[in-house]
N, C-alpha and C. Protein backbone atom coordinates (compact mmCIF):
# COMPACT_ATOMS: atom_id res chain seq x y z
N MET A 1 0.85 -1.18 0.00
CA MET A 1 0.00 0.00 0.00
C MET A 1 0.89 1.23 0.00
N ALA A 2 0.53 2.20 -0.75
CA ALA A 2 1.31 3.42 -0.84
C ALA A 2 1.26 4.18 0.48
N GLU A 3 2.30 4.95 0.74
CA GLU A 3 2.37 5.68 2.00
C GLU A 3 1.18 6.63 2.17
N LYS A 4 0.80 7.31 1.10
CA LYS A 4 -0.32 8.25 1.16
C LYS A 4 -1.61 7.53 1.53
N GLU A 5 -1.85 6.36 0.92
CA GLU A 5 -3.05 5.59 1.22
C GLU A 5 -3.02 5.11 2.66
N SER A 6 -1.86 4.66 3.13
CA SER A 6 -1.72 4.19 4.49
C SER A 6 -2.03 5.31 5.48
N GLY A 7 -1.51 6.50 5.22
CA GLY A 7 -1.76 7.64 6.09
C GLY A 7 -3.23 7.99 6.13
N GLY A 8 -3.90 7.93 4.98
CA GLY A 8 -5.33 8.21 4.93
C GLY A 8 -6.13 7.19 5.71
N SER A 9 -5.72 5.94 5.61
CA SER A 9 -6.37 4.87 6.35
C SER A 9 -6.23 5.07 7.85
N GLU A 10 -5.04 5.50 8.27
CA GLU A 10 -4.81 5.74 9.69
C GLU A 10 -5.68 6.89 10.19
N VAL A 11 -5.84 7.92 9.38
CA VAL A 11 -6.69 9.05 9.76
C VAL A 11 -8.13 8.58 9.90
N MET A 12 -8.61 7.77 8.94
CA MET A 12 -9.97 7.26 8.99
C MET A 12 -10.17 6.41 10.24
N GLN A 13 -9.21 5.53 10.54
CA GLN A 13 -9.32 4.68 11.73
C GLN A 13 -9.36 5.54 12.99
N THR A 14 -8.54 6.58 13.03
CA THR A 14 -8.50 7.46 14.20
C THR A 14 -9.84 8.16 14.38
N GLU A 15 -10.44 8.63 13.30
CA GLU A 15 -11.74 9.31 13.39
C GLU A 15 -12.82 8.35 13.91
N VAL A 16 -12.84 7.14 13.38
CA VAL A 16 -13.84 6.16 13.82
C VAL A 16 -13.59 5.78 15.28
N MET A 17 -12.33 5.57 15.65
CA MET A 17 -12.03 5.23 17.04
C MET A 17 -12.42 6.35 17.99
N ALA A 18 -12.17 7.59 17.60
CA ALA A 18 -12.54 8.73 18.44
C ALA A 18 -14.06 8.81 18.60
N ALA A 19 -14.79 8.56 17.52
CA ALA A 19 -16.25 8.59 17.58
C ALA A 19 -16.78 7.46 18.46
N ALA A 20 -16.18 6.28 18.35
CA ALA A 20 -16.60 5.15 19.19
C ALA A 20 -16.30 5.45 20.66
N LEU A 21 -15.17 6.06 20.93
CA LEU A 21 -14.80 6.42 22.29
C LEU A 21 -15.82 7.43 22.85
N ALA A 22 -16.23 8.38 22.04
CA ALA A 22 -17.24 9.35 22.47
C ALA A 22 -18.58 8.66 22.70
N LEU A 23 -18.94 7.70 21.83
CA LEU A 23 -20.18 6.95 21.98
C LEU A 23 -20.24 6.26 23.33
N PHE A 24 -19.11 5.71 23.75
CA PHE A 24 -19.04 4.99 25.02
C PHE A 24 -18.53 5.87 26.16
N GLU A 25 -18.69 7.19 25.99
CA GLU A 25 -18.39 8.18 27.01
C GLU A 25 -17.00 8.02 27.62
N GLY A 26 -16.02 7.80 26.76
CA GLY A 26 -14.63 7.74 27.20
C GLY A 26 -14.18 6.38 27.70
N ASP A 27 -15.04 5.38 27.64
CA ASP A 27 -14.68 4.04 28.11
C ASP A 27 -13.97 3.31 26.96
N TRP A 28 -12.63 3.36 27.00
CA TRP A 28 -11.84 2.79 25.91
C TRP A 28 -12.09 1.31 25.76
N GLN A 29 -12.24 0.58 26.87
CA GLN A 29 -12.44 -0.87 26.81
C GLN A 29 -13.74 -1.20 26.07
N MET A 30 -14.81 -0.46 26.36
CA MET A 30 -16.08 -0.70 25.66
C MET A 30 -15.98 -0.33 24.18
N ALA A 31 -15.34 0.79 23.89
CA ALA A 31 -15.19 1.20 22.49
C ALA A 31 -14.37 0.18 21.72
N GLU A 32 -13.28 -0.27 22.30
CA GLU A 32 -12.42 -1.26 21.64
C GLU A 32 -13.17 -2.57 21.43
N SER A 33 -13.96 -2.96 22.42
CA SER A 33 -14.75 -4.19 22.29
C SER A 33 -15.75 -4.06 21.14
N TRP A 34 -16.45 -2.93 21.07
CA TRP A 34 -17.44 -2.72 20.02
C TRP A 34 -16.78 -2.73 18.64
N LEU A 35 -15.61 -2.12 18.54
CA LEU A 35 -14.90 -2.05 17.26
C LEU A 35 -14.29 -3.40 16.85
N SER A 36 -14.24 -4.35 17.78
CA SER A 36 -13.57 -5.63 17.52
C SER A 36 -14.53 -6.79 17.31
N LYS A 37 -15.83 -6.52 17.34
CA LYS A 37 -16.81 -7.60 17.19
C LYS A 37 -17.63 -7.40 15.93
N PRO A 38 -18.11 -8.50 15.33
CA PRO A 38 -18.93 -8.38 14.12
C PRO A 38 -20.14 -7.48 14.37
N LEU A 39 -20.40 -6.62 13.39
CA LEU A 39 -21.49 -5.64 13.49
C LEU A 39 -22.53 -5.93 12.40
N PRO A 40 -23.73 -6.33 12.79
CA PRO A 40 -24.76 -6.67 11.79
C PRO A 40 -25.02 -5.55 10.79
N ALA A 41 -24.92 -4.30 11.20
CA ALA A 41 -25.21 -3.17 10.31
C ALA A 41 -24.25 -3.07 9.13
N ILE A 42 -23.11 -3.76 9.21
CA ILE A 42 -22.15 -3.75 8.09
C ILE A 42 -21.89 -5.18 7.61
N GLY A 43 -22.94 -6.00 7.66
CA GLY A 43 -22.83 -7.36 7.15
C GLY A 43 -22.01 -8.28 8.03
N ASN A 44 -22.05 -8.05 9.33
CA ASN A 44 -21.31 -8.84 10.31
C ASN A 44 -19.79 -8.78 10.14
N GLU A 45 -19.34 -7.70 9.52
CA GLU A 45 -17.89 -7.49 9.45
C GLU A 45 -17.44 -6.82 10.75
N ILE A 46 -16.15 -6.93 11.04
CA ILE A 46 -15.58 -6.31 12.22
C ILE A 46 -15.19 -4.88 11.85
N PRO A 47 -15.70 -3.90 12.61
CA PRO A 47 -15.46 -2.50 12.25
C PRO A 47 -14.00 -2.14 11.99
N THR A 48 -13.07 -2.62 12.80
CA THR A 48 -11.67 -2.24 12.58
C THR A 48 -11.13 -2.82 11.27
N ASP A 49 -11.71 -3.92 10.81
CA ASP A 49 -11.29 -4.50 9.52
C ASP A 49 -12.03 -3.84 8.36
N TYR A 50 -13.14 -3.20 8.65
CA TYR A 50 -14.03 -2.64 7.64
C TYR A 50 -13.55 -1.29 7.13
N ILE A 51 -12.73 -0.61 7.91
CA ILE A 51 -12.30 0.75 7.56
C ILE A 51 -11.18 0.69 6.53
N ASP A 52 -11.54 0.56 5.27
CA ASP A 52 -10.52 0.50 4.23
C ASP A 52 -10.75 1.52 3.12
N SER A 53 -11.76 2.36 3.31
CA SER A 53 -12.03 3.42 2.34
C SER A 53 -12.77 4.55 3.06
N PRO A 54 -12.71 5.75 2.50
CA PRO A 54 -13.44 6.86 3.12
C PRO A 54 -14.95 6.59 3.21
N GLU A 55 -15.49 5.91 2.21
CA GLU A 55 -16.92 5.61 2.20
C GLU A 55 -17.30 4.69 3.36
N ARG A 56 -16.48 3.68 3.59
CA ARG A 56 -16.76 2.75 4.68
C ARG A 56 -16.55 3.42 6.04
N ALA A 57 -15.55 4.26 6.15
CA ALA A 57 -15.34 4.99 7.40
C ALA A 57 -16.54 5.89 7.68
N LYS A 58 -17.03 6.57 6.64
CA LYS A 58 -18.21 7.44 6.79
C LYS A 58 -19.42 6.62 7.21
N GLN A 59 -19.56 5.44 6.64
CA GLN A 59 -20.68 4.57 7.01
C GLN A 59 -20.61 4.22 8.50
N LEU A 60 -19.43 3.89 8.99
CA LEU A 60 -19.28 3.59 10.42
C LEU A 60 -19.56 4.83 11.27
N LEU A 61 -19.09 5.98 10.84
CA LEU A 61 -19.36 7.22 11.57
C LEU A 61 -20.87 7.52 11.59
N ASP A 62 -21.56 7.24 10.50
CA ASP A 62 -23.01 7.43 10.45
C ASP A 62 -23.71 6.47 11.43
N ILE A 63 -23.25 5.23 11.49
CA ILE A 63 -23.83 4.25 12.42
C ILE A 63 -23.62 4.72 13.86
N ILE A 64 -22.42 5.17 14.16
CA ILE A 64 -22.12 5.66 15.51
C ILE A 64 -23.01 6.86 15.82
N GLY A 65 -23.18 7.76 14.86
CA GLY A 65 -24.05 8.92 15.06
C GLY A 65 -25.49 8.53 15.34
N ARG A 66 -25.98 7.52 14.62
CA ARG A 66 -27.35 7.06 14.86
C ARG A 66 -27.47 6.46 16.26
N LEU A 67 -26.48 5.68 16.66
CA LEU A 67 -26.51 5.09 18.00
C LEU A 67 -26.48 6.16 19.08
N GLU A 68 -25.71 7.22 18.87
CA GLU A 68 -25.66 8.32 19.83
C GLU A 68 -27.01 8.99 20.01
N HIS A 69 -27.82 8.95 18.95
CA HIS A 69 -29.14 9.58 18.99
C HIS A 69 -30.26 8.58 19.25
N GLY A 70 -29.89 7.36 19.63
CA GLY A 70 -30.88 6.36 20.00
C GLY A 70 -31.59 5.69 18.84
N VAL A 71 -31.03 5.78 17.65
CA VAL A 71 -31.62 5.13 16.48
C VAL A 71 -31.00 3.75 16.36
N TRP A 72 -31.82 2.72 16.54
CA TRP A 72 -31.34 1.34 16.47
C TRP A 72 -30.97 1.00 15.04
N THR A 73 -29.73 0.51 14.85
CA THR A 73 -29.27 0.16 13.50
C THR A 73 -29.01 -1.31 13.37
């Protein structure tokens, strides 16, 4: 993978991780657990493995946003 692509991927992962951490009110263990288990909303893929494009990262951020607002996904 090119360095530029790798850097972009790291930024996307950081954004999703930060959003998950906020979702779980700063509880890193809960956020990490959620990011490490299959998620039905993305076809039972594991969120940390799913972040491979800006579109997929945005999809995860949208899911986290819906959960923050009590919308079951």
